[in-house]
Amino acid sequence: MASLLSNIAAEVAERGFTIARKFASEAVVTQLLDDLASIDHGARGLLVRGNAVAAFASTELVFETMRTLVGREARAVRAFVLDKRTDANWGLG
């Protein structure tokens, strides 16, 4: 975990963002996708709906990553999803 966090922090420092492949387990990703499948274009307030997003946001994995990036007082304050269509998508790198 320390190596993953170090790599994420270095990439964020260099590029301003990161794409953390294999950050979460396949089971977690499946649960997130299942939970978000009914969303047509986007949704807000995902931290207060008691769903998979809220559960994932409160895991030690997410908290430790955020603490590494922004400090010990890090906490989730907002979660939303945008469902971009493939033909209207943009690349991140």
C-alpha atoms as a PDB file:
ATOM      1  CA  MET A   1       0.000   0.000   0.000  1.00  0.00           C
ATOM      2  CA  ALA A   2       2.829   2.416   0.808  1.00  0.00           C
ATOM      3  CA  SER A   3       4.289   1.958  -2.675  1.00  0.00           C
ATOM      4  CA  LEU A   4       0.898   2.582  -4.308  1.00  0.00           C
ATOM      5  CA  LEU A   5       0.369   5.735  -2.235  1.00  0.00           C
ATOM      6  CA  SER A   6       3.856   6.964  -3.053  1.00  0.00           C
ATOM      7  CA  ASN A   7       3.265   6.446  -6.778  1.00  0.00           C
ATOM      8  CA  ILE A   8      -0.105   8.201  -6.651  1.00  0.00           C
ATOM      9  CA  ALA A   9       1.355  11.156  -4.735  1.00  0.00           C
ATOM     10  CA  ALA A  10       4.272  11.495  -7.160  1.00  0.00           C
ATOM     11  CA  GLU A  11       2.014  11.480 -10.208  1.00  0.00           C
ATOM     12  CA  VAL A  12      -0.399  13.993  -8.682  1.00  0.00           C
ATOM     13  CA  ALA A  13       2.531  16.271  -7.816  1.00  0.00           C
ATOM     14  CA  GLU A  14       3.877  16.019 -11.368  1.00  0.00           C
ATOM     15  CA  ARG A  15       0.677  16.047 -13.445  1.00  0.00           C
ATOM     16  CA  GLY A  16      -2.006  17.394 -11.122  1.00  0.00           C
ATOM     17  CA  PHE A  17      -4.034  14.186 -11.378  1.00  0.00           C
ATOM     18  CA  THR A  18      -3.610  10.445 -11.540  1.00  0.00           C
ATOM     19  CA  ILE A  19      -5.366   7.445 -12.974  1.00  0.00           C
ATOM     20  CA  ALA A  20      -4.939   4.782 -10.309  1.00  0.00           C
ATOM     21  CA  ARG A  21      -5.391   1.492 -12.107  1.00  0.00           C
ATOM     22  CA  LYS A  22      -6.332  -1.458  -9.891  1.00  0.00           C
ATOM     23  CA  PHE A  23      -6.874   0.918  -6.968  1.00  0.00           C
ATOM     24  CA  ALA A  24      -9.961  -0.976  -5.837  1.00  0.00           C
ATOM     25  CA  SER A  25     -10.729  -4.669  -6.046  1.00  0.00           C
ATOM     26  CA  GLU A  26     -12.784  -6.059  -8.899  1.00  0.00           C
ATOM     27  CA  ALA A  27     -15.607  -6.782  -6.450  1.00  0.00           C
ATOM     28  CA  VAL A  28     -15.681  -3.149  -5.293  1.00  0.00           C
ATOM     29  CA  VAL A  29     -15.654  -1.861  -8.881  1.00  0.00           C
ATOM     30  CA  THR A  30     -18.496  -4.241  -9.785  1.00  0.00           C
ATOM     31  CA  GLN A  31     -20.545  -3.048  -6.788  1.00  0.00           C
ATOM     32  CA  LEU A  32     -19.939   0.599  -7.714  1.00  0.00           C
ATOM     33  CA  LEU A  33     -20.923  -0.002 -11.343  1.00  0.00           C
ATOM     34  CA  ASP A  34     -24.039  -1.955 -10.324  1.00  0.00           C
ATOM     35  CA  ASP A  35     -25.051   0.795  -7.918  1.00  0.00           C
ATOM     36  CA  LEU A  36     -24.581   3.502 -10.548  1.00  0.00           C
ATOM     37  CA  ALA A  37     -26.128   1.582 -13.468  1.00  0.00           C
ATOM     38  CA  SER A  38     -29.512   3.309 -13.146  1.00  0.00           C
ATOM     39  CA  ILE A  39     -28.043   6.797 -13.576  1.00  0.00           C
ATOM     40  CA  ASP A  40     -28.750   8.190 -17.038  1.00  0.00           C
ATOM     41  CA  HIS A  41     -26.480  11.240 -17.284  1.00  0.00           C
ATOM     42  CA  GLY A  42     -25.280  12.151 -13.823  1.00  0.00           C
ATOM     43  CA  ALA A  43     -26.116  12.352 -10.145  1.00  0.00           C
ATOM     44  CA  ARG A  44     -25.124  14.408  -7.132  1.00  0.00           C
ATOM     45  CA  GLY A  45     -25.231  13.764  -3.410  1.00  0.00           C
ATOM     46  CA  LEU A  46     -23.792  10.272  -3.614  1.00  0.00           C
ATOM     47  CA  LEU A  47     -22.237  10.492  -0.141  1.00  0.00           C
ATOM     48  CA  VAL A  48     -25.594  10.834   1.596  1.00  0.00           C
ATOM     49  CA  ARG A  49     -27.577   8.206  -0.284  1.00  0.00           C
ATOM     50  CA  GLY A  50     -26.217   5.214   1.627  1.00  0.00           C
ATOM     51  CA  ASN A  51     -24.976   3.538  -1.520  1.00  0.00           C
ATOM     52  CA  ALA A  52     -21.786   1.821  -2.688  1.00  0.00           C
ATOM     53  CA  VAL A  53     -20.162   5.196  -3.429  1.00  0.00           C
ATOM     54  CA  ALA A  54     -20.688   6.364   0.149  1.00  0.00           C
ATOM     55  CA  ALA A  55     -19.374   3.053   1.480  1.00  0.00           C
ATOM     56  CA  PHE A  56     -16.286   3.179  -0.747  1.00  0.00           C
ATOM     57  CA  ALA A  57     -15.590   6.819   0.141  1.00  0.00           C
ATOM     58  CA  SER A  58     -15.416   5.875   3.815  1.00  0.00           C
ATOM     59  CA  THR A  59     -12.941   3.000   3.405  1.00  0.00           C
ATOM     60  CA  GLU A  60      -9.450   3.123   4.865  1.00  0.00           C
ATOM     61  CA  LEU A  61      -8.032   2.798   1.324  1.00  0.00           C
ATOM     62  CA  VAL A  62      -9.668   6.056   0.228  1.00  0.00           C
ATOM     63  CA  PHE A  63      -8.942   7.877   3.499  1.00  0.00           C
ATOM     64  CA  GLU A  64      -5.259   6.914   3.518  1.00  0.00           C
ATOM     65  CA  THR A  65      -4.880   7.990  -0.105  1.00  0.00           C
ATOM     66  CA  MET A  66      -6.477  11.356   0.563  1.00  0.00           C
ATOM     67  CA  ARG A  67      -4.461  11.853   3.752  1.00  0.00           C
ATOM     68  CA  THR A  68      -1.288  11.213   1.755  1.00  0.00           C
ATOM     69  CA  LEU A  69      -2.310  13.791  -0.848  1.00  0.00           C
ATOM     70  CA  VAL A  70      -3.904  16.551   1.218  1.00  0.00           C
ATOM     71  CA  GLY A  71      -3.119  15.904   4.872  1.00  0.00           C
ATOM     72  CA  ARG A  72      -4.417  14.200   7.988  1.00  0.00           C
ATOM     73  CA  GLU A  73      -7.653  16.190   8.112  1.00  0.00           C
ATOM     74  CA  ALA A  74      -8.820  14.925   4.707  1.00  0.00           C
ATOM     75  CA  ARG A  75     -12.459  13.915   4.395  1.00  0.00           C
ATOM     76  CA  ALA A  76     -14.961  13.351   1.620  1.00  0.00           C
ATOM     77  CA  VAL A  77     -17.290  16.305   1.166  1.00  0.00           C
ATOM     78  CA  ARG A  78     -18.944  15.668  -2.184  1.00  0.00           C
ATOM     79  CA  ALA A  79     -19.402  12.820  -4.641  1.00  0.00           C
ATOM     80  CA  PHE A  80     -21.020  12.937  -8.038  1.00  0.00           C
ATOM     81  CA  VAL A  81     -20.948  10.962 -11.255  1.00  0.00           C
ATOM     82  CA  LEU A  82     -21.051  12.119 -14.846  1.00  0.00           C
ATOM     83  CA  ASP A  83     -22.043   9.482 -17.370  1.00  0.00           C
ATOM     84  CA  LYS A  84     -20.184  10.648 -20.464  1.00  0.00           C
ATOM     85  CA  ARG A  85     -21.100   8.884 -23.676  1.00  0.00           C
ATOM     86  CA  THR A  86     -18.174   7.207 -25.449  1.00  0.00           C
ATOM     87  CA  ASP A  87     -18.611   9.339 -28.568  1.00  0.00           C
ATOM     88  CA  ALA A  88     -18.490  12.534 -26.460  1.00  0.00           C
ATOM     89  CA  ASN A  89     -15.663  11.521 -24.165  1.00  0.00           C
ATOM     90  CA  TRP A  90     -12.248  13.114 -23.758  1.00  0.00           C
ATOM     91  CA  GLY A  91      -8.928  11.451 -23.046  1.00  0.00           C
ATOM     92  CA  LEU A  92      -6.943  11.832 -19.847  1.00  0.00           C
ATOM     93  CA  GLY A  93      -3.613  10.677 -21.053  1.00  0.00           C
END
